[in-house]
N, C-alpha and C. Protein backbone atom coordinates (compact mmCIF):
# COMPACT_ATOMS: atom_id res chain seq x y z
N MET A 1 118.42 94.12 127.91
CA MET A 1 118.50 92.68 127.99
C MET A 1 118.82 92.14 126.60
N THR A 2 119.82 91.30 126.53
CA THR A 2 120.15 90.69 125.25
C THR A 2 119.29 89.45 125.04
N ASP A 3 119.26 89.00 123.80
CA ASP A 3 118.43 87.84 123.47
C ASP A 3 118.84 86.61 124.27
N ILE A 4 120.13 86.45 124.52
CA ILE A 4 120.59 85.25 125.23
C ILE A 4 120.12 85.25 126.69
N ASN A 5 119.85 86.41 127.25
CA ASN A 5 119.41 86.48 128.64
C ASN A 5 117.99 85.98 128.83
N VAL A 6 117.21 85.92 127.78
CA VAL A 6 115.84 85.41 127.91
C VAL A 6 115.78 83.89 127.76
N LEU A 7 116.88 83.29 127.36
CA LEU A 7 116.89 81.84 127.16
C LEU A 7 116.46 81.06 128.40
N PRO A 8 116.96 81.35 129.59
CA PRO A 8 116.49 80.60 130.76
C PRO A 8 114.99 80.72 130.98
N ASP A 9 114.45 81.92 130.76
CA ASP A 9 113.00 82.11 130.95
C ASP A 9 112.20 81.33 129.91
N ILE A 10 112.68 81.33 128.68
CA ILE A 10 112.00 80.58 127.63
C ILE A 10 112.01 79.09 127.96
N LEU A 11 113.17 78.59 128.36
CA LEU A 11 113.27 77.16 128.70
C LEU A 11 112.43 76.81 129.92
N ARG A 12 112.36 77.72 130.90
CA ARG A 12 111.54 77.48 132.09
C ARG A 12 110.07 77.36 131.71
N VAL A 13 109.61 78.26 130.85
CA VAL A 13 108.20 78.23 130.44
C VAL A 13 107.91 76.98 129.60
N LEU A 14 108.83 76.62 128.72
CA LEU A 14 108.65 75.40 127.95
C LEU A 14 108.59 74.17 128.85
N ASN A 15 109.45 74.15 129.87
CA ASN A 15 109.43 73.04 130.83
C ASN A 15 108.11 73.01 131.60
N GLU A 16 107.62 74.16 132.01
CA GLU A 16 106.32 74.21 132.71
C GLU A 16 105.21 73.72 131.80
N ASN A 17 105.26 74.09 130.52
CA ASN A 17 104.26 73.62 129.57
C ASN A 17 104.33 72.11 129.41
N GLN A 18 105.56 71.57 129.34
CA GLN A 18 105.73 70.12 129.22
C GLN A 18 105.12 69.41 130.42
N LEU A 19 105.35 69.96 131.61
CA LEU A 19 104.79 69.35 132.82
C LEU A 19 103.27 69.40 132.82
N ALA A 20 102.71 70.52 132.34
CA ALA A 20 101.25 70.65 132.29
C ALA A 20 100.65 69.67 131.28
N ILE A 21 101.30 69.53 130.14
CA ILE A 21 100.82 68.57 129.13
C ILE A 21 100.91 67.15 129.68
N ALA A 22 102.02 66.84 130.36
CA ALA A 22 102.17 65.51 130.94
C ALA A 22 101.08 65.23 131.97
N ALA A 23 100.73 66.22 132.78
CA ALA A 23 99.66 66.04 133.77
C ALA A 23 98.32 65.79 133.08
N ALA A 24 98.06 66.51 132.00
CA ALA A 24 96.81 66.30 131.27
C ALA A 24 96.77 64.91 130.64
N VAL A 25 97.88 64.49 130.06
CA VAL A 25 97.95 63.16 129.45
C VAL A 25 97.79 62.08 130.51
N GLU A 26 98.35 62.31 131.69
CA GLU A 26 98.20 61.34 132.78
C GLU A 26 96.73 61.19 133.16
N GLU A 27 96.00 62.30 133.23
CA GLU A 27 94.57 62.23 133.53
C GLU A 27 93.83 61.44 132.46
N LEU A 28 94.18 61.68 131.20
CA LEU A 28 93.55 60.93 130.11
C LEU A 28 93.91 59.44 130.20
N SER A 29 95.14 59.15 130.58
CA SER A 29 95.56 57.76 130.74
C SER A 29 94.73 57.06 131.82
N LYS A 30 94.51 57.75 132.92
CA LYS A 30 93.68 57.18 133.98
C LYS A 30 92.27 56.90 133.47
N TRP A 31 91.74 57.84 132.73
CA TRP A 31 90.39 57.73 132.19
C TRP A 31 90.31 56.53 131.25
N VAL A 32 91.30 56.39 130.38
CA VAL A 32 91.33 55.26 129.44
C VAL A 32 91.47 53.94 130.20
N GLY A 33 92.35 53.91 131.20
CA GLY A 33 92.55 52.69 131.98
C GLY A 33 91.30 52.26 132.72
N GLU A 34 90.52 53.21 133.21
CA GLU A 34 89.28 52.90 133.92
C GLU A 34 88.23 52.32 132.98
N ARG A 35 88.39 52.55 131.70
CA ARG A 35 87.41 52.08 130.74
C ARG A 35 87.87 50.81 130.03
N GLY A 36 88.89 50.15 130.58
CA GLY A 36 89.24 48.83 130.11
C GLY A 36 90.39 48.72 129.12
N SER A 37 91.05 49.78 128.80
CA SER A 37 92.17 49.68 127.86
C SER A 37 93.48 49.82 128.62
N ASP A 38 93.80 48.77 129.36
CA ASP A 38 95.00 48.79 130.19
C ASP A 38 96.28 48.87 129.37
N ASP A 39 96.29 48.28 128.18
CA ASP A 39 97.49 48.33 127.34
C ASP A 39 97.83 49.76 126.95
N VAL A 40 96.82 50.49 126.49
CA VAL A 40 97.05 51.89 126.09
C VAL A 40 97.46 52.71 127.30
N ALA A 41 96.77 52.55 128.39
CA ALA A 41 97.10 53.30 129.61
C ALA A 41 98.52 52.98 130.07
N GLY A 42 98.92 51.72 129.98
CA GLY A 42 100.27 51.33 130.37
C GLY A 42 101.33 51.96 129.47
N ASN A 43 101.06 51.99 128.17
CA ASN A 43 102.00 52.62 127.24
C ASN A 43 102.15 54.11 127.53
N VAL A 44 101.04 54.76 127.83
CA VAL A 44 101.09 56.18 128.16
C VAL A 44 101.89 56.39 129.44
N ARG A 45 101.66 55.56 130.44
CA ARG A 45 102.41 55.68 131.69
C ARG A 45 103.91 55.48 131.47
N ASP A 46 104.27 54.57 130.58
CA ASP A 46 105.69 54.38 130.26
C ASP A 46 106.30 55.64 129.65
N CYS A 47 105.57 56.26 128.75
CA CYS A 47 106.05 57.51 128.14
C CYS A 47 106.15 58.62 129.17
N LEU A 48 105.19 58.70 130.05
CA LEU A 48 105.22 59.73 131.11
C LEU A 48 106.39 59.48 132.06
N ALA A 49 106.72 58.23 132.31
CA ALA A 49 107.86 57.91 133.17
C ALA A 49 109.15 58.41 132.54
N HIS A 50 109.24 58.33 131.23
CA HIS A 50 110.42 58.85 130.54
C HIS A 50 110.52 60.36 130.72
N LEU A 51 109.40 61.06 130.61
CA LEU A 51 109.40 62.50 130.86
C LEU A 51 109.83 62.80 132.29
N ASP A 52 109.31 62.03 133.23
CA ASP A 52 109.67 62.24 134.64
C ASP A 52 111.16 62.01 134.88
N SER A 53 111.72 61.03 134.18
CA SER A 53 113.14 60.74 134.41
C SER A 53 114.04 61.89 133.96
N ASN A 54 113.55 62.70 133.05
CA ASN A 54 114.33 63.85 132.58
C ASN A 54 113.99 65.15 133.31
N ALA A 55 112.92 65.18 134.06
CA ALA A 55 112.44 66.43 134.66
C ALA A 55 113.44 67.06 135.62
N ASP A 56 114.05 66.27 136.49
CA ASP A 56 115.01 66.82 137.45
C ASP A 56 116.22 67.43 136.74
N PHE A 57 116.73 66.71 135.74
CA PHE A 57 117.87 67.24 134.99
C PHE A 57 117.51 68.56 134.33
N LEU A 58 116.35 68.61 133.69
CA LEU A 58 115.94 69.84 133.01
C LEU A 58 115.82 71.00 134.00
N ALA A 59 115.20 70.75 135.13
CA ALA A 59 115.04 71.80 136.13
C ALA A 59 116.40 72.30 136.63
N THR A 60 117.32 71.38 136.88
CA THR A 60 118.66 71.75 137.34
C THR A 60 119.40 72.53 136.25
N ALA A 61 119.32 72.06 135.03
CA ALA A 61 120.02 72.73 133.92
C ALA A 61 119.48 74.13 133.70
N ILE A 62 118.17 74.28 133.76
CA ILE A 62 117.58 75.61 133.58
C ILE A 62 117.98 76.51 134.73
N GLY A 63 117.98 75.98 135.95
CA GLY A 63 118.40 76.77 137.11
C GLY A 63 119.84 77.23 136.99
N SER A 64 120.71 76.39 136.43
CA SER A 64 122.11 76.78 136.29
C SER A 64 122.28 77.90 135.27
N LEU A 65 121.37 78.01 134.32
CA LEU A 65 121.45 79.10 133.35
C LEU A 65 121.23 80.45 134.02
N TYR A 66 120.42 80.46 135.08
CA TYR A 66 120.20 81.71 135.81
C TYR A 66 121.46 82.13 136.56
N LEU A 67 122.29 81.16 136.93
CA LEU A 67 123.50 81.46 137.70
C LEU A 67 124.69 81.72 136.80
N ALA A 68 124.61 81.33 135.54
CA ALA A 68 125.74 81.48 134.62
C ALA A 68 125.93 82.96 134.31
N PRO A 69 127.19 83.38 134.10
CA PRO A 69 127.44 84.76 133.72
C PRO A 69 126.82 85.06 132.35
N PRO A 70 126.35 86.27 132.15
CA PRO A 70 125.72 86.60 130.85
C PRO A 70 126.76 86.56 129.73
N TYR A 71 126.28 86.15 128.58
CA TYR A 71 127.15 86.11 127.39
C TYR A 71 127.23 87.51 126.81
N SER A 72 128.35 87.81 126.22
CA SER A 72 128.47 89.13 125.59
C SER A 72 128.30 89.04 124.09
């Protein structure tokens, strides 16, 4: 296996980590919002929405790397 062939796997794992971090931050945002800091919770939700807006593209792009012919 060449180094370039591991790129899709590396990107997939990084994407999974990003999703896990986003889920944890969302839980913290809920916790903060329940304790009366709606401004902070709203700002966090806005940032998470930005991550969500890119998630489909990232998943599709990573999937296409698995289908691409290997580089020599």
